[in-house]
């Protein structure tokens, strides 16, 4: 019963995202002066408590933003804690924005309490036969979830990132390159990127071209390329999908964000509860100024 309930939670995440979208489309504007695409603009200085509810968990953050040169540069510092269905995480983050460019760095620790690490030659999916490195698939992970075979691991990580934003009247281009190091188990499932890989340094490029409107928010195609350590070497993959963000209007500066990514024809990729090669992130954020 417990395993069925836990699996239902993961499968219900899509329904949760749909419910949040319904709220977005039906809620009246709390403040008509705040455009629904405000989140693409540089934020004001100040200190906020940020509360995020997302498809399979929640995040609490304390963020400070300080002008270095008003209108041109800003320093962001943030401490965050996540508790979700598969893992817990704590991070310290620092970002420096200068005009259209942002440099950032993070350090943190993640405790994965639903870990899927495949050791070649051992039984991964509980069928009594040895498995190869290629058997860390969505179906195999679903079997492990339903039979309670998942393990656990805890590891530190670090991250560096560079972002370029280009406002183009009704469009907004965002390009982010991230270098991330994780001391994770080899061939373990990465819940954040939705595929298994080895420990070491991962390089990720995210590109989104938003169409924006103050009465709607922003929506556009998303393209992700990841190069990750895999089976003693490196392996690249391309994900593609759509990103959408808006201010629902339940408060003056709330935010609803959805990102969907696909990699069709790939049995390893995807949050396995959905049974398709799909990554879904739906987030509702509200901020409290200090």
Protein backbone atom coordinates (compact mmCIF):
# COMPACT_ATOMS: atom_id res chain seq x y z
CA UNK A 1 0.00 0.00 0.00
CA UNK A 2 2.77 2.44 0.92
CA UNK A 3 4.63 1.79 -2.34
CA UNK A 4 1.44 2.35 -4.36
CA UNK A 5 0.76 5.58 -2.52
CA UNK A 6 4.29 6.85 -3.07
CA UNK A 7 4.10 6.05 -6.77
CA UNK A 8 0.76 7.82 -6.99
CA UNK A 9 2.37 10.94 -5.54
CA UNK A 10 4.88 11.03 -8.40
CA UNK A 11 2.23 10.33 -11.04
CA UNK A 12 0.00 12.96 -9.49
CA UNK A 13 2.62 15.65 -10.00
CA UNK A 14 1.30 16.35 -13.49
CA UNK A 15 -2.18 16.83 -12.06
CA UNK A 16 -0.74 19.23 -9.52
CA UNK A 17 0.90 21.23 -12.28
CA UNK A 18 -2.41 21.35 -14.16
CA UNK A 19 -4.16 22.61 -11.03
CA UNK A 20 -1.58 25.38 -10.63
CA UNK A 21 -2.07 26.33 -14.28
CA UNK A 22 -5.82 26.56 -13.71
CA UNK A 23 -5.16 28.92 -10.80
CA UNK A 24 -2.92 30.99 -13.06
CA UNK A 25 -5.57 31.36 -15.74
CA UNK A 26 -8.47 32.05 -13.39
CA UNK A 27 -7.00 34.23 -10.64
CA UNK A 28 -7.77 37.93 -10.75
CA UNK A 29 -4.87 40.37 -10.76
CA UNK A 30 -3.95 41.40 -7.21
CA UNK A 31 -2.24 44.53 -8.54
CA UNK A 32 -2.91 45.58 -12.13
CA UNK A 33 0.22 47.75 -12.12
CA UNK A 34 2.51 44.72 -11.85
CA UNK A 35 2.80 43.07 -15.30
CA UNK A 36 2.55 39.30 -15.53
CA UNK A 37 5.97 39.13 -17.21
CA UNK A 38 7.68 41.15 -14.45
CA UNK A 39 9.99 38.26 -13.49
CA UNK A 40 12.05 38.80 -16.65
CA UNK A 41 12.99 42.29 -15.46
CA UNK A 42 15.80 43.02 -12.97
CA UNK A 43 14.34 42.89 -9.43
CA UNK A 44 14.52 45.73 -6.89
CA UNK A 45 17.03 45.62 -4.08
CA UNK A 46 15.97 44.24 -0.70
CA UNK A 47 15.74 41.06 1.36
CA UNK A 48 12.97 38.49 0.87
CA UNK A 49 11.85 35.15 2.21
CA UNK A 50 10.92 33.01 -0.81
CA UNK A 51 8.49 30.09 -0.53
CA UNK A 52 8.35 27.67 -3.47
CA UNK A 53 5.85 24.84 -3.87
CA UNK A 54 6.66 22.60 -6.81
CA UNK A 55 5.55 19.34 -8.36
CA UNK A 56 7.24 16.99 -5.88
CA UNK A 57 8.45 19.19 -3.04
CA UNK A 58 9.05 22.60 -1.53
CA UNK A 59 11.86 25.12 -1.10
CA UNK A 60 12.50 27.83 1.50
CA UNK A 61 15.02 30.59 0.67
CA UNK A 62 16.39 33.76 2.19
CA UNK A 63 17.58 36.14 -0.55
CA UNK A 64 19.30 39.51 -0.40
CA UNK A 65 19.72 41.78 -3.43
CA UNK A 66 22.04 44.78 -3.26
CA UNK A 67 22.66 47.42 -5.95
CA UNK A 68 26.28 47.93 -6.90
CA UNK A 69 25.27 50.52 -9.50
CA UNK A 70 21.53 51.08 -9.67
CA UNK A 71 20.06 49.97 -12.98
CA UNK A 72 23.33 48.38 -14.11
CA UNK A 73 24.65 45.87 -11.57
CA UNK A 74 23.42 43.89 -8.58
CA UNK A 75 24.76 41.31 -6.11
CA UNK A 76 22.44 38.45 -5.13
CA UNK A 77 23.08 36.19 -2.13
CA UNK A 78 20.74 33.35 -1.20
CA UNK A 79 20.53 30.44 1.21
CA UNK A 80 18.05 27.69 0.28
CA UNK A 81 16.70 24.45 1.70
CA UNK A 82 14.72 21.86 -0.29
CA UNK A 83 12.62 18.95 0.91
CA UNK A 84 11.10 16.81 -1.83
CA UNK A 85 9.82 13.34 -2.61
CA UNK A 86 13.28 11.98 -3.61
CA UNK A 87 15.84 14.19 -1.80
CA UNK A 88 16.73 16.94 0.69
CA UNK A 89 19.20 19.70 -0.17
CA UNK A 90 20.85 22.79 1.28
CA UNK A 91 22.70 25.41 -0.80
CA UNK A 92 24.52 28.73 -0.53
CA UNK A 93 24.39 30.86 -3.69
CA UNK A 94 26.06 34.06 -4.87
CA UNK A 95 25.37 35.82 -8.20
CA UNK A 96 26.71 39.03 -9.71
CA UNK A 97 24.74 40.74 -12.50
CA UNK A 98 26.41 43.38 -14.64
CA UNK A 99 24.07 44.78 -17.32
CA UNK A 100 23.08 41.74 -19.46
CA UNK A 101 25.57 39.29 -17.92
CA UNK A 102 25.40 37.29 -14.69
CA UNK A 103 28.11 35.20 -13.03
CA UNK A 104 27.13 32.87 -10.21
CA UNK A 105 28.40 30.14 -7.91
CA UNK A 106 26.83 27.68 -5.47
CA UNK A 107 27.93 25.08 -2.95
CA UNK A 108 25.66 22.59 -1.25
CA UNK A 109 24.90 19.10 -0.05
CA UNK A 110 22.19 16.71 -1.21
CA UNK A 111 20.75 13.74 0.67
CA UNK A 112 18.95 11.41 -1.74
CA UNK A 113 16.55 9.16 0.15
CA UNK A 114 15.17 7.55 -3.02
CA UNK A 115 18.37 6.64 -4.80
CA UNK A 116 18.63 4.43 -7.88
CA UNK A 117 22.28 3.44 -8.30
CA UNK A 118 22.98 0.59 -10.71
CA UNK A 119 26.13 -1.45 -10.06
CA UNK A 120 26.87 -3.52 -13.20
CA UNK A 121 26.63 -7.25 -12.54
CA UNK A 122 24.25 -6.85 -9.61
CA UNK A 123 20.46 -7.19 -9.56
CA UNK A 124 19.04 -3.68 -10.06
CA UNK A 125 15.33 -4.27 -10.68
CA UNK A 126 14.75 -7.20 -8.31
CA UNK A 127 14.15 -9.87 -10.96
CA UNK A 128 16.99 -12.07 -9.68
CA UNK A 129 19.28 -11.60 -12.70
CA UNK A 130 22.38 -9.38 -13.03
CA UNK A 131 21.96 -6.08 -14.86
CA UNK A 132 24.27 -4.06 -17.10
CA UNK A 133 25.01 -0.33 -16.91
CA UNK A 134 22.40 0.32 -19.62
CA UNK A 135 19.55 -1.11 -17.52
CA UNK A 136 18.94 2.03 -15.39
CA UNK A 137 15.75 2.72 -17.34
CA UNK A 138 12.41 4.29 -16.43
CA UNK A 139 10.73 0.88 -16.28
CA UNK A 140 13.43 -0.56 -14.03
CA UNK A 141 13.27 2.44 -11.69
CA UNK A 142 9.49 2.18 -11.51
CA UNK A 143 9.87 -1.46 -10.49
CA UNK A 144 12.34 -0.48 -7.77
CA UNK A 145 9.97 2.20 -6.49
CA UNK A 146 6.99 -0.16 -6.34
CA UNK A 147 9.02 -2.87 -4.56
CA UNK A 148 10.80 -0.49 -2.18
CA UNK A 149 14.27 -1.34 -3.52
CA UNK A 150 15.58 2.22 -3.65
CA UNK A 151 18.66 3.09 -1.62
CA UNK A 152 20.19 6.34 -0.37
CA UNK A 153 23.29 8.49 -0.82
CA UNK A 154 24.57 11.85 0.41
CA UNK A 155 27.06 13.97 -1.52
CA UNK A 156 28.42 17.53 -1.74
CA UNK A 157 28.29 19.55 -4.94
CA UNK A 158 29.46 22.85 -6.38
CA UNK A 159 28.27 24.89 -9.34
CA UNK A 160 29.45 27.79 -11.48
CA UNK A 161 27.21 29.50 -14.05
CA UNK A 162 27.22 32.25 -16.66
CA UNK A 163 24.03 33.81 -17.99
CA UNK A 164 23.33 36.15 -20.88
CA UNK A 165 19.94 37.85 -21.23
CA UNK A 166 18.92 39.78 -24.33
CA UNK A 167 15.66 41.79 -24.24
CA UNK A 168 14.21 42.09 -27.75
CA UNK A 169 11.03 44.17 -27.41
CA UNK A 170 8.32 41.44 -27.37
CA UNK A 171 10.93 38.68 -27.03
CA UNK A 172 13.47 37.80 -24.37
CA UNK A 173 16.44 35.50 -24.97
CA UNK A 174 18.03 33.73 -22.01
CA UNK A 175 21.21 31.64 -22.34
CA UNK A 176 22.80 29.95 -19.31
CA UNK A 177 25.93 27.78 -19.22
CA UNK A 178 26.46 25.80 -16.01
CA UNK A 179 29.43 23.74 -14.81
CA UNK A 180 28.50 21.48 -11.90
CA UNK A 181 30.58 19.03 -9.88
CA UNK A 182 28.94 16.23 -7.87
CA UNK A 183 30.51 13.55 -5.70
CA UNK A 184 27.64 11.17 -6.46
CA UNK A 185 27.62 7.40 -7.03
CA UNK A 186 28.49 6.31 -10.55
CA UNK A 187 25.46 5.35 -12.68
CA UNK A 188 23.01 6.87 -10.21
CA UNK A 189 19.76 8.56 -11.25
CA UNK A 190 19.88 12.36 -11.16
CA UNK A 191 16.41 13.54 -10.08
CA UNK A 192 17.14 17.14 -11.09
CA UNK A 193 18.27 16.36 -14.66
CA UNK A 194 16.16 13.18 -15.03
CA UNK A 195 18.77 10.68 -16.22
CA UNK A 196 21.52 8.49 -14.67
CA UNK A 197 25.19 9.45 -14.86
CA UNK A 198 28.48 9.11 -13.00
CA UNK A 199 29.96 11.38 -10.38
CA UNK A 200 32.23 14.17 -11.61
CA UNK A 201 31.76 17.38 -13.60
CA UNK A 202 28.62 18.00 -15.66
CA UNK A 203 28.31 20.81 -18.23
CA UNK A 204 24.87 22.13 -19.14
CA UNK A 205 23.67 24.73 -21.64
CA UNK A 206 20.09 26.07 -21.41
CA UNK A 207 18.56 28.34 -24.04
CA UNK A 208 15.04 29.78 -23.94
CA UNK A 209 13.47 32.33 -26.28
CA UNK A 210 10.44 33.84 -24.55
CA UNK A 211 7.59 35.69 -26.18
CA UNK A 212 6.46 38.12 -23.48
CA UNK A 213 3.41 40.26 -22.83
CA UNK A 214 2.48 42.18 -19.69
CA UNK A 215 -1.09 40.73 -19.69
CA UNK A 216 -0.03 37.11 -20.30
CA UNK A 217 3.45 36.42 -19.00
CA UNK A 218 6.12 34.73 -21.10
CA UNK A 219 6.29 31.48 -23.07
CA UNK A 220 8.79 29.99 -25.47
CA UNK A 221 10.80 27.00 -26.69
CA UNK A 222 13.54 25.62 -24.46
CA UNK A 223 16.65 23.73 -25.55
CA UNK A 224 19.08 21.99 -23.18
CA UNK A 225 22.38 20.30 -23.95
CA UNK A 226 24.13 18.31 -21.22
CA UNK A 227 27.56 16.69 -21.29
CA UNK A 228 27.94 14.36 -18.30
CA UNK A 229 30.35 11.66 -17.08
CA UNK A 230 29.05 8.24 -18.08
CA UNK A 231 30.58 4.74 -17.82
CA UNK A 232 34.13 6.06 -17.48
CA UNK A 233 33.80 8.54 -20.36
CA UNK A 234 31.54 11.40 -21.41
CA UNK A 235 28.09 11.38 -23.00
CA UNK A 236 26.05 14.26 -24.41
CA UNK A 237 22.29 14.55 -24.72
CA UNK A 238 19.80 17.10 -26.03
CA UNK A 239 16.46 17.86 -24.35
CA UNK A 240 13.78 20.10 -25.83
CA UNK A 241 10.50 21.51 -24.62
CA UNK A 242 8.63 24.63 -23.53
CA UNK A 243 8.94 27.10 -20.66
CA UNK A 244 6.12 29.30 -19.40
CA UNK A 245 6.01 31.85 -16.60
CA UNK A 246 3.48 34.34 -15.30
CA UNK A 247 2.31 36.25 -12.24
CA UNK A 248 -0.96 34.54 -11.20
CA UNK A 249 -2.01 37.58 -9.17
CA UNK A 250 -2.61 35.93 -5.81
CA UNK A 251 -0.07 38.42 -4.46
CA UNK A 252 1.78 41.40 -5.93
CA UNK A 253 4.98 39.54 -6.79
CA UNK A 254 4.08 35.86 -6.99
CA UNK A 255 5.27 33.62 -9.82
CA UNK A 256 4.07 30.48 -11.56
CA UNK A 257 6.64 28.71 -13.75
CA UNK A 258 6.38 25.53 -15.84
CA UNK A 259 9.21 23.83 -17.70
CA UNK A 260 8.75 20.68 -19.76
CA UNK A 261 11.62 18.82 -21.41
CA UNK A 262 11.55 15.72 -23.62
CA UNK A 263 14.03 13.31 -25.15
CA UNK A 264 12.00 10.91 -27.26
CA UNK A 265 13.42 7.48 -27.98
CA UNK A 266 15.54 7.47 -24.81
CA UNK A 267 14.65 4.82 -22.19
CA UNK A 268 16.91 6.24 -19.47
CA UNK A 269 15.60 9.82 -19.60
CA UNK A 270 12.60 11.08 -17.67
CA UNK A 271 10.99 11.11 -14.25
CA UNK A 272 9.97 7.47 -14.23
CA UNK A 273 6.58 7.99 -12.55
CA UNK A 274 5.30 9.53 -15.80
CA UNK A 275 6.30 6.44 -17.86
CA UNK A 276 7.41 8.66 -20.76
CA UNK A 277 10.72 10.47 -21.57
CA UNK A 278 9.50 13.65 -19.87
CA UNK A 279 10.83 16.07 -17.27
CA UNK A 280 8.26 18.39 -15.70
CA UNK A 281 8.85 21.21 -13.24
CA UNK A 282 5.89 23.32 -12.10
CA UNK A 283 6.60 25.92 -9.41
CA UNK A 284 4.49 28.45 -7.54
CA UNK A 285 6.54 31.09 -5.69
CA UNK A 286 5.51 33.78 -3.28
CA UNK A 287 7.82 36.33 -1.64
CA UNK A 288 7.71 38.09 1.72
CA UNK A 289 9.78 41.26 2.02
CA UNK A 290 11.79 41.76 5.21
